[in-house]
Amino acid sequence: MSVSAPTVSRPNTRAFIFGTLLFIAIAVVGLYIVKWAPYWGKAHLAAATHSIGPSMVSGTSAAPPAVGWAAAWQYTLAYFNAVWTAVVLALLLGASIQVFVPRKWLLQLLGAANARSAAIAGAISLAGMMCTCCTAPIVVGMRKQRTSMEGALAFFLGNPLLNPAVLIFMGFVLGWQFAAIRLVSAVLLIAVVVAVAHRFGAALPNTEVDAPSFDLAPIERPDASVRTLSLAWLKEMWNEIVAILPGYIAIVLLLGAVRAFLFPPGLTLHTAGILPTALVALAGTFFVVPTAGEVPIVQALLAHGMSTSAAIALIVTLPAISLPSLFIVRKVFPRKVLIATFGIIFVGGGVIGSLASIFFH
């Protein structure tokens, strides 16, 4: 008995063109407005003044404000004033990836659990230049489209750590040796995280996002229309807002309130040895900053006497991940992978800070 080949349905042409063009417009126009154009101007500011603004942790002083509601509210307002446009863009892109991008395209590009997917995702992340929390909704969308852990993690870490604009800011403000150490450290840490995740992924049961790859994205379905795509997109946007924003805001409030505990002058300005550097790296791994926020934080603390090892630990750990970003992606990666990622960034930042400081003397 012969078996006929399955019929492959083609997507609705009008809906496909609409969704594809809308995704491209959101990505290109959004990134130009939110990232590319502002950073061009900020690069000139950094070159001319060797500064990109005050520290969000402590301003121009060495000590953050005392723990409490005032500190929480002040930091949260400053933080979201800096990132709100990027958050909006991230939510738009996270929903758009799930609805307007054909799953088969993403699987061909980033679906394989190997180094190639990670390398491609890392290269793509150079254009995003997002902070870790703004990258997270996009990563959620990627994982719901069945991209591999390796590719999603490389994109997740590559956006904040490999950000070319921040490397330029860092060179002009802190010195090009800091930028070089950051770049080398970023590549090493991303490679280690991806390798560990790959080993864990081979031993772990499938997560809820690892459904069969033959599922279709909304744009690929033959019954798709402009109306159904629009409704699906609005639904995903609402799901993101409900799942992400309340917890995200609450954690930022908490971290803003306790930043005097995380960055006391007794630690940040008197760091000598591996253990104190590790404690600074731990604080940096927990804390949340907007894109390039680590640069003025480290500049202010260096001016008050912070050691080179602590400075390097912070330029590695502050942008990489944070409690809010881990909260956002908690459902699309296995818990062991996120714990391992946190540990690698924390330990790596401490070790790199301790080792790299040797070459500054």
Protein backbone atom coordinates (compact mmCIF):
# COMPACT_ATOMS: atom_id res chain seq x y z
CA MET A 1 0.00 0.00 0.00
CA SER A 2 1.54 3.28 -1.09
CA VAL A 3 1.58 6.32 1.16
CA SER A 4 1.03 9.66 -0.48
CA ALA A 5 3.21 12.60 0.46
CA PRO A 6 1.64 15.03 2.92
CA THR A 7 0.14 18.15 1.45
CA VAL A 8 2.06 21.27 2.34
CA SER A 9 -0.23 24.26 2.75
CA ARG A 10 1.08 27.64 1.77
CA PRO A 11 0.56 30.68 3.99
CA ASN A 12 -1.82 33.42 2.99
CA THR A 13 0.26 35.72 0.78
CA ARG A 14 -1.36 38.99 1.86
CA ALA A 15 -1.08 38.14 5.56
CA PHE A 16 2.50 36.91 5.09
CA ILE A 17 3.60 40.16 3.43
CA PHE A 18 1.80 42.24 6.06
CA GLY A 19 3.41 40.40 8.98
CA THR A 20 6.89 40.33 7.45
CA LEU A 21 6.92 44.03 6.61
CA LEU A 22 5.53 44.96 10.03
CA PHE A 23 8.21 42.93 11.81
CA ILE A 24 10.98 44.51 9.74
CA ALA A 25 9.57 47.98 10.37
CA ILE A 26 9.33 47.45 14.13
CA ALA A 27 12.85 46.03 14.31
CA VAL A 28 14.65 48.54 12.08
CA VAL A 29 12.75 51.73 12.92
CA GLY A 30 12.53 50.80 16.60
CA LEU A 31 16.23 50.06 16.95
CA TYR A 32 17.15 53.22 15.06
CA ILE A 33 15.01 55.42 17.33
CA VAL A 34 15.78 53.67 20.61
CA LYS A 35 19.38 52.53 20.15
CA TRP A 36 21.34 53.41 17.03
CA ALA A 37 20.69 57.17 16.78
CA PRO A 38 20.98 57.94 20.54
CA TYR A 39 24.17 55.92 20.88
CA TRP A 40 25.77 57.75 17.96
CA GLY A 41 25.28 60.99 19.85
CA LYS A 42 26.38 59.48 23.16
CA ALA A 43 29.60 58.20 21.56
CA HIS A 44 30.50 61.77 20.60
CA LEU A 45 29.67 62.90 24.15
CA ALA A 46 31.92 60.21 25.61
CA ALA A 47 34.77 61.18 23.28
CA ALA A 48 34.46 64.88 24.07
CA THR A 49 33.84 64.78 27.83
CA HIS A 50 35.07 61.32 28.89
CA SER A 51 31.74 60.86 30.67
CA ILE A 52 28.23 59.67 29.80
CA GLY A 53 26.53 60.87 32.99
CA PRO A 54 26.40 60.25 36.74
CA SER A 55 26.29 56.88 38.44
CA MET A 56 22.75 55.52 38.90
CA VAL A 57 23.85 53.80 42.10
CA SER A 58 25.40 56.71 43.97
CA GLY A 59 25.49 59.80 41.75
CA THR A 60 28.85 61.51 42.18
CA SER A 61 29.37 60.24 45.74
CA ALA A 62 30.86 56.98 46.95
CA ALA A 63 27.91 55.83 49.04
CA PRO A 64 24.42 54.99 47.74
CA PRO A 65 21.43 56.40 49.66
CA ALA A 66 20.29 54.60 52.78
CA VAL A 67 18.13 51.51 52.43
CA GLY A 68 14.45 52.38 52.27
CA TRP A 69 11.44 53.37 50.23
CA ALA A 70 12.96 56.69 49.11
CA ALA A 71 15.97 54.88 47.66
CA ALA A 72 13.69 52.33 45.95
CA TRP A 73 11.46 54.97 44.37
CA GLN A 74 14.33 57.21 43.28
CA TYR A 75 16.20 54.39 41.58
CA THR A 76 13.11 52.92 39.93
CA LEU A 77 12.14 56.29 38.44
CA ALA A 78 15.69 56.88 37.16
CA TYR A 79 15.98 53.35 35.81
CA PHE A 80 12.69 53.27 33.91
CA ASN A 81 13.21 56.80 32.64
CA ALA A 82 16.37 55.43 31.01
CA VAL A 83 14.91 52.17 29.67
CA TRP A 84 11.19 52.63 29.06
CA THR A 85 11.50 53.09 25.30
CA ALA A 86 13.68 49.99 25.07
CA VAL A 87 11.20 48.04 27.21
CA VAL A 88 8.36 49.00 24.87
CA LEU A 89 10.45 47.97 21.86
CA ALA A 90 11.40 44.70 23.54
CA LEU A 91 7.76 43.83 24.23
CA LEU A 92 6.86 44.66 20.63
CA LEU A 93 9.69 42.53 19.29
CA GLY A 94 8.99 39.65 21.68
CA ALA A 95 5.39 39.44 20.47
CA SER A 96 6.34 40.04 16.83
CA ILE A 97 8.86 37.19 16.79
CA GLN A 98 6.16 34.80 17.97
CA VAL A 99 3.57 35.92 15.44
CA PHE A 100 5.26 37.45 12.40
CA VAL A 101 8.40 35.31 11.96
CA PRO A 102 8.03 31.88 10.30
CA ARG A 103 9.13 29.18 12.71
CA LYS A 104 10.92 27.28 9.98
CA TRP A 105 13.16 30.29 9.35
CA LEU A 106 14.16 30.54 12.98
CA LEU A 107 14.73 26.80 13.22
CA GLN A 108 16.99 26.85 10.17
CA LEU A 109 18.96 29.74 11.62
CA LEU A 110 18.97 29.09 15.38
CA GLY A 111 17.25 25.76 15.90
CA ALA A 112 20.26 23.49 16.16
CA ALA A 113 21.74 22.79 19.59
CA ASN A 114 25.29 23.56 18.55
CA ALA A 115 28.01 26.20 18.40
CA ARG A 116 26.86 27.42 14.99
CA SER A 117 23.50 28.56 16.37
CA ALA A 118 25.26 30.29 19.27
CA ALA A 119 27.69 32.06 16.94
CA ILE A 120 24.92 33.29 14.66
CA ALA A 121 22.83 34.48 17.62
CA GLY A 122 25.83 36.25 19.11
CA ALA A 123 26.48 38.03 15.82
CA ILE A 124 22.82 39.09 15.53
CA SER A 125 22.93 40.44 19.09
CA LEU A 126 25.48 43.07 18.02
CA ALA A 127 22.72 44.97 16.24
CA GLY A 128 20.34 44.87 19.21
CA MET A 129 22.53 46.54 21.84
CA MET A 130 19.85 45.89 24.47
CA CYS A 131 20.37 45.68 28.22
CA THR A 132 19.74 42.28 29.78
CA CYS A 133 16.16 43.05 30.88
CA CYS A 134 15.16 44.40 27.48
CA THR A 135 16.74 41.44 25.75
CA ALA A 136 14.78 39.02 27.94
CA PRO A 137 11.28 39.46 26.35
CA ILE A 138 12.84 38.91 22.93
CA VAL A 139 14.52 35.74 24.20
CA VAL A 140 11.17 34.54 25.54
CA GLY A 141 9.72 35.00 22.07
CA MET A 142 12.64 33.15 20.50
CA ARG A 143 12.31 30.21 22.86
CA LYS A 144 8.55 29.99 22.30
CA GLN A 145 9.42 29.71 18.61
CA ARG A 146 11.59 26.66 19.50
CA THR A 147 15.03 28.20 19.02
CA SER A 148 17.77 26.24 20.76
CA MET A 149 18.99 27.02 24.27
CA GLU A 150 22.44 27.61 22.85
CA GLY A 151 21.27 30.24 20.38
CA ALA A 152 18.89 31.91 22.83
CA LEU A 153 21.54 32.13 25.57
CA ALA A 154 24.15 33.55 23.20
CA PHE A 155 21.64 36.22 22.16
CA PHE A 156 20.63 36.83 25.78
CA LEU A 157 24.19 37.45 26.94
CA GLY A 158 25.53 38.88 23.70
CA ASN A 159 23.23 41.91 23.66
CA PRO A 160 24.54 43.46 26.90
CA LEU A 161 28.06 42.05 26.95
CA LEU A 162 29.11 42.42 23.30
CA ASN A 163 27.34 45.76 22.80
CA PRO A 164 29.69 47.67 20.46
CA ALA A 165 28.39 51.07 21.56
CA VAL A 166 29.13 50.32 25.22
CA LEU A 167 32.63 49.15 24.32
CA ILE A 168 33.20 52.52 22.66
CA PHE A 169 31.77 54.42 25.64
CA MET A 170 33.97 52.36 27.95
CA GLY A 171 37.08 53.06 25.90
CA PHE A 172 36.58 56.82 26.00
CA VAL A 173 35.46 56.99 29.64
CA LEU A 174 37.38 54.25 31.48
CA GLY A 175 40.21 53.45 29.08
CA TRP A 176 40.63 51.09 26.16
CA GLN A 177 42.22 48.43 28.36
CA PHE A 178 38.87 48.12 30.17
CA ALA A 179 37.07 47.79 26.84
CA ALA A 180 39.49 45.10 25.68
CA ILE A 181 39.11 43.11 28.90
CA ARG A 182 35.33 43.40 28.67
CA LEU A 183 35.29 42.13 25.07
CA VAL A 184 37.56 39.15 25.73
CA SER A 185 35.70 38.32 28.95
CA ALA A 186 32.35 38.51 27.18
CA VAL A 187 33.36 36.05 24.48
CA LEU A 188 34.79 33.62 27.05
CA LEU A 189 31.80 33.79 29.40
CA ILE A 190 29.26 33.37 26.59
CA ALA A 191 31.19 30.37 25.28
CA VAL A 192 31.30 28.75 28.73
CA VAL A 193 27.60 29.38 29.41
CA VAL A 194 26.61 27.93 26.03
CA ALA A 195 28.85 24.87 26.51
CA VAL A 196 27.48 24.16 29.99
CA ALA A 197 23.91 24.68 28.83
CA HIS A 198 24.53 22.27 25.96
CA ARG A 199 25.70 19.58 28.38
CA PHE A 200 22.78 20.20 30.72
CA GLY A 201 20.32 20.27 27.85
CA ALA A 202 21.39 16.84 26.67
CA ALA A 203 20.67 15.39 30.12
CA LEU A 204 17.46 17.24 30.96
CA PRO A 205 13.91 16.35 29.94
CA ASN A 206 12.21 18.61 27.43
CA THR A 207 10.88 21.89 28.78
CA GLU A 208 7.47 23.27 27.99
CA VAL A 209 8.86 25.23 25.05
CA ASP A 210 10.46 22.19 23.42
CA ALA A 211 7.31 21.15 21.59
CA PRO A 212 7.46 19.46 18.16
CA SER A 213 9.20 21.68 15.65
CA PHE A 214 6.55 21.15 12.98
CA ASP A 215 4.10 23.45 14.78
CA LEU A 216 3.41 26.54 12.71
CA ALA A 217 3.79 30.14 13.73
CA PRO A 218 0.64 32.23 13.14
CA ILE A 219 2.11 33.82 10.00
CA GLU A 220 2.71 30.39 8.42
CA ARG A 221 -0.83 29.11 8.80
CA PRO A 222 -2.86 28.92 5.59
CA ASP A 223 -5.93 30.38 7.30
CA ALA A 224 -4.00 33.45 8.52
CA SER A 225 -5.30 36.89 7.66
CA VAL A 226 -4.30 40.43 8.54
CA ARG A 227 -7.03 40.39 11.18
CA THR A 228 -6.03 37.08 12.79
CA LEU A 229 -2.35 38.07 12.83
CA SER A 230 -3.18 41.40 14.42
CA LEU A 231 -5.29 39.72 17.09
CA ALA A 232 -2.61 37.10 17.76
CA TRP A 233 -0.01 39.86 18.09
CA LEU A 234 -2.14 41.85 20.53
CA LYS A 235 -2.76 38.67 22.54
CA GLU A 236 0.96 37.94 22.83
CA MET A 237 1.64 41.55 23.80
CA TRP A 238 -0.93 41.33 26.58
CA ASN A 239 0.47 38.00 27.76
CA GLU A 240 3.93 39.56 27.96
CA ILE A 241 2.72 42.61 29.86
CA VAL A 242 0.89 40.50 32.44
CA ALA A 243 3.68 37.95 32.84
CA ILE A 244 6.62 40.37 32.86
CA LEU A 245 5.91 43.91 34.03
CA PRO A 246 4.53 43.46 37.59
CA GLY A 247 7.38 41.21 38.74
CA TYR A 248 9.96 43.21 36.80
CA ILE A 249 8.94 46.49 38.44
CA ALA A 250 8.76 44.90 41.91
CA ILE A 251 12.29 43.48 41.66
CA VAL A 252 13.71 46.80 40.42
CA LEU A 253 12.09 48.53 43.40
CA LEU A 254 13.64 45.98 45.75
CA LEU A 255 17.12 46.27 44.25
CA GLY A 256 16.90 50.06 44.27
CA ALA A 257 15.95 49.99 47.93
CA VAL A 258 18.87 47.80 49.02
CA ARG A 259 21.63 49.14 46.79
CA ALA A 260 23.34 50.67 49.84
CA PHE A 261 23.61 47.12 51.15
CA LEU A 262 24.89 45.74 47.83
CA PHE A 263 27.45 48.50 47.18
CA PRO A 264 28.67 49.82 50.55
CA PRO A 265 31.84 51.92 50.38
CA GLY A 266 33.43 49.53 52.87
CA LEU A 267 33.30 46.89 50.16
CA THR A 268 33.53 48.73 46.85
CA LEU A 269 36.31 51.14 47.90
CA HIS A 270 38.40 48.76 49.99
CA THR A 271 38.46 45.65 47.86
CA ALA A 272 41.66 43.64 48.12
CA GLY A 273 41.94 39.96 47.41
CA ILE A 274 39.79 37.32 45.81
CA LEU A 275 36.99 37.19 48.42
CA PRO A 276 36.11 40.92 48.41
CA THR A 277 36.31 40.96 44.61
CA ALA A 278 33.97 37.97 44.54
CA LEU A 279 31.49 39.81 46.77
CA VAL A 280 31.53 42.78 44.41
CA ALA A 281 30.99 40.39 41.48
CA LEU A 282 28.05 38.81 43.32
CA ALA A 283 26.44 42.22 43.86
CA GLY A 284 26.98 43.04 40.19
CA THR A 285 25.36 39.78 39.11
CA PHE A 286 22.25 40.49 41.21
CA PHE A 287 21.86 44.18 40.37
CA VAL A 288 20.12 45.73 37.36
CA VAL A 289 21.33 48.65 35.24
CA PRO A 290 20.25 50.14 31.90
CA THR A 291 22.46 49.83 28.86
CA ALA A 292 25.93 51.25 29.59
CA GLY A 293 24.91 51.95 33.21
CA GLU A 294 27.98 50.10 34.43
CA VAL A 295 30.30 52.70 32.85
CA PRO A 296 29.39 55.74 35.03
CA ILE A 297 28.97 53.49 38.09
CA VAL A 298 32.53 52.24 37.76
CA GLN A 299 33.85 55.69 36.82
CA ALA A 300 32.39 57.24 39.98
CA LEU A 301 33.71 54.47 42.23
CA LEU A 302 37.17 54.55 40.65
CA ALA A 303 37.31 58.29 41.35
CA HIS A 304 36.72 57.51 45.03
CA GLY A 305 39.40 54.82 45.17
CA MET A 306 37.84 51.54 44.08
CA SER A 307 40.38 48.89 43.13
CA THR A 308 40.94 47.78 39.56
CA SER A 309 39.90 44.21 40.36
CA ALA A 310 36.51 45.37 41.67
CA ALA A 311 36.06 47.69 38.68
CA ILE A 312 36.69 44.88 36.21
CA ALA A 313 34.40 42.54 38.13
CA LEU A 314 31.60 45.11 37.83
CA ILE A 315 32.05 45.87 34.12
CA VAL A 316 31.66 42.14 33.48
CA THR A 317 28.85 41.21 35.88
CA LEU A 318 26.62 44.32 36.02
CA PRO A 319 25.43 44.21 32.40
CA ALA A 320 25.43 40.42 31.85
CA ILE A 321 22.39 39.29 33.83
CA SER A 322 20.31 40.46 36.79
CA LEU A 323 17.52 39.25 39.02
CA PRO A 324 14.84 40.93 36.87
CA SER A 325 16.17 39.46 33.62
CA LEU A 326 16.35 35.98 35.14
CA PHE A 327 12.78 36.44 36.37
CA ILE A 328 11.60 37.29 32.86
CA VAL A 329 13.18 34.22 31.21
CA ARG A 330 12.52 31.80 34.08
CA LYS A 331 9.87 29.80 32.20
CA VAL A 332 11.73 29.30 28.94
CA PHE A 333 14.98 27.80 30.26
CA PRO A 334 15.48 24.84 32.61
CA ARG A 335 16.17 25.97 36.17
CA LYS A 336 19.57 24.24 36.20
CA VAL A 337 20.64 26.21 33.15
CA LEU A 338 19.72 29.54 34.74
CA ILE A 339 21.45 28.62 38.00
CA ALA A 340 24.54 27.62 36.04
CA THR A 341 24.42 30.87 34.06
CA PHE A 342 24.23 32.91 37.25
CA GLY A 343 27.12 30.96 38.76
CA ILE A 344 29.33 31.29 35.68
CA ILE A 345 28.82 35.05 35.46
CA PHE A 346 29.40 35.52 39.19
CA VAL A 347 32.50 33.31 39.44
CA GLY A 348 33.82 34.43 36.08
CA GLY A 349 33.50 38.10 36.99
CA GLY A 350 35.36 37.59 40.26
CA VAL A 351 38.15 35.54 38.69
CA ILE A 352 38.56 37.84 35.69
CA GLY A 353 38.65 40.89 37.96
CA SER A 354 41.30 39.34 40.20
CA LEU A 355 43.47 38.15 37.32
CA ALA A 356 43.12 41.16 35.02
CA SER A 357 44.03 43.63 37.78
CA ILE A 358 47.52 42.11 37.87
CA PHE A 359 48.25 43.54 34.42
CA PHE A 360 47.36 47.07 35.51
CA HIS A 361 50.27 47.24 37.91
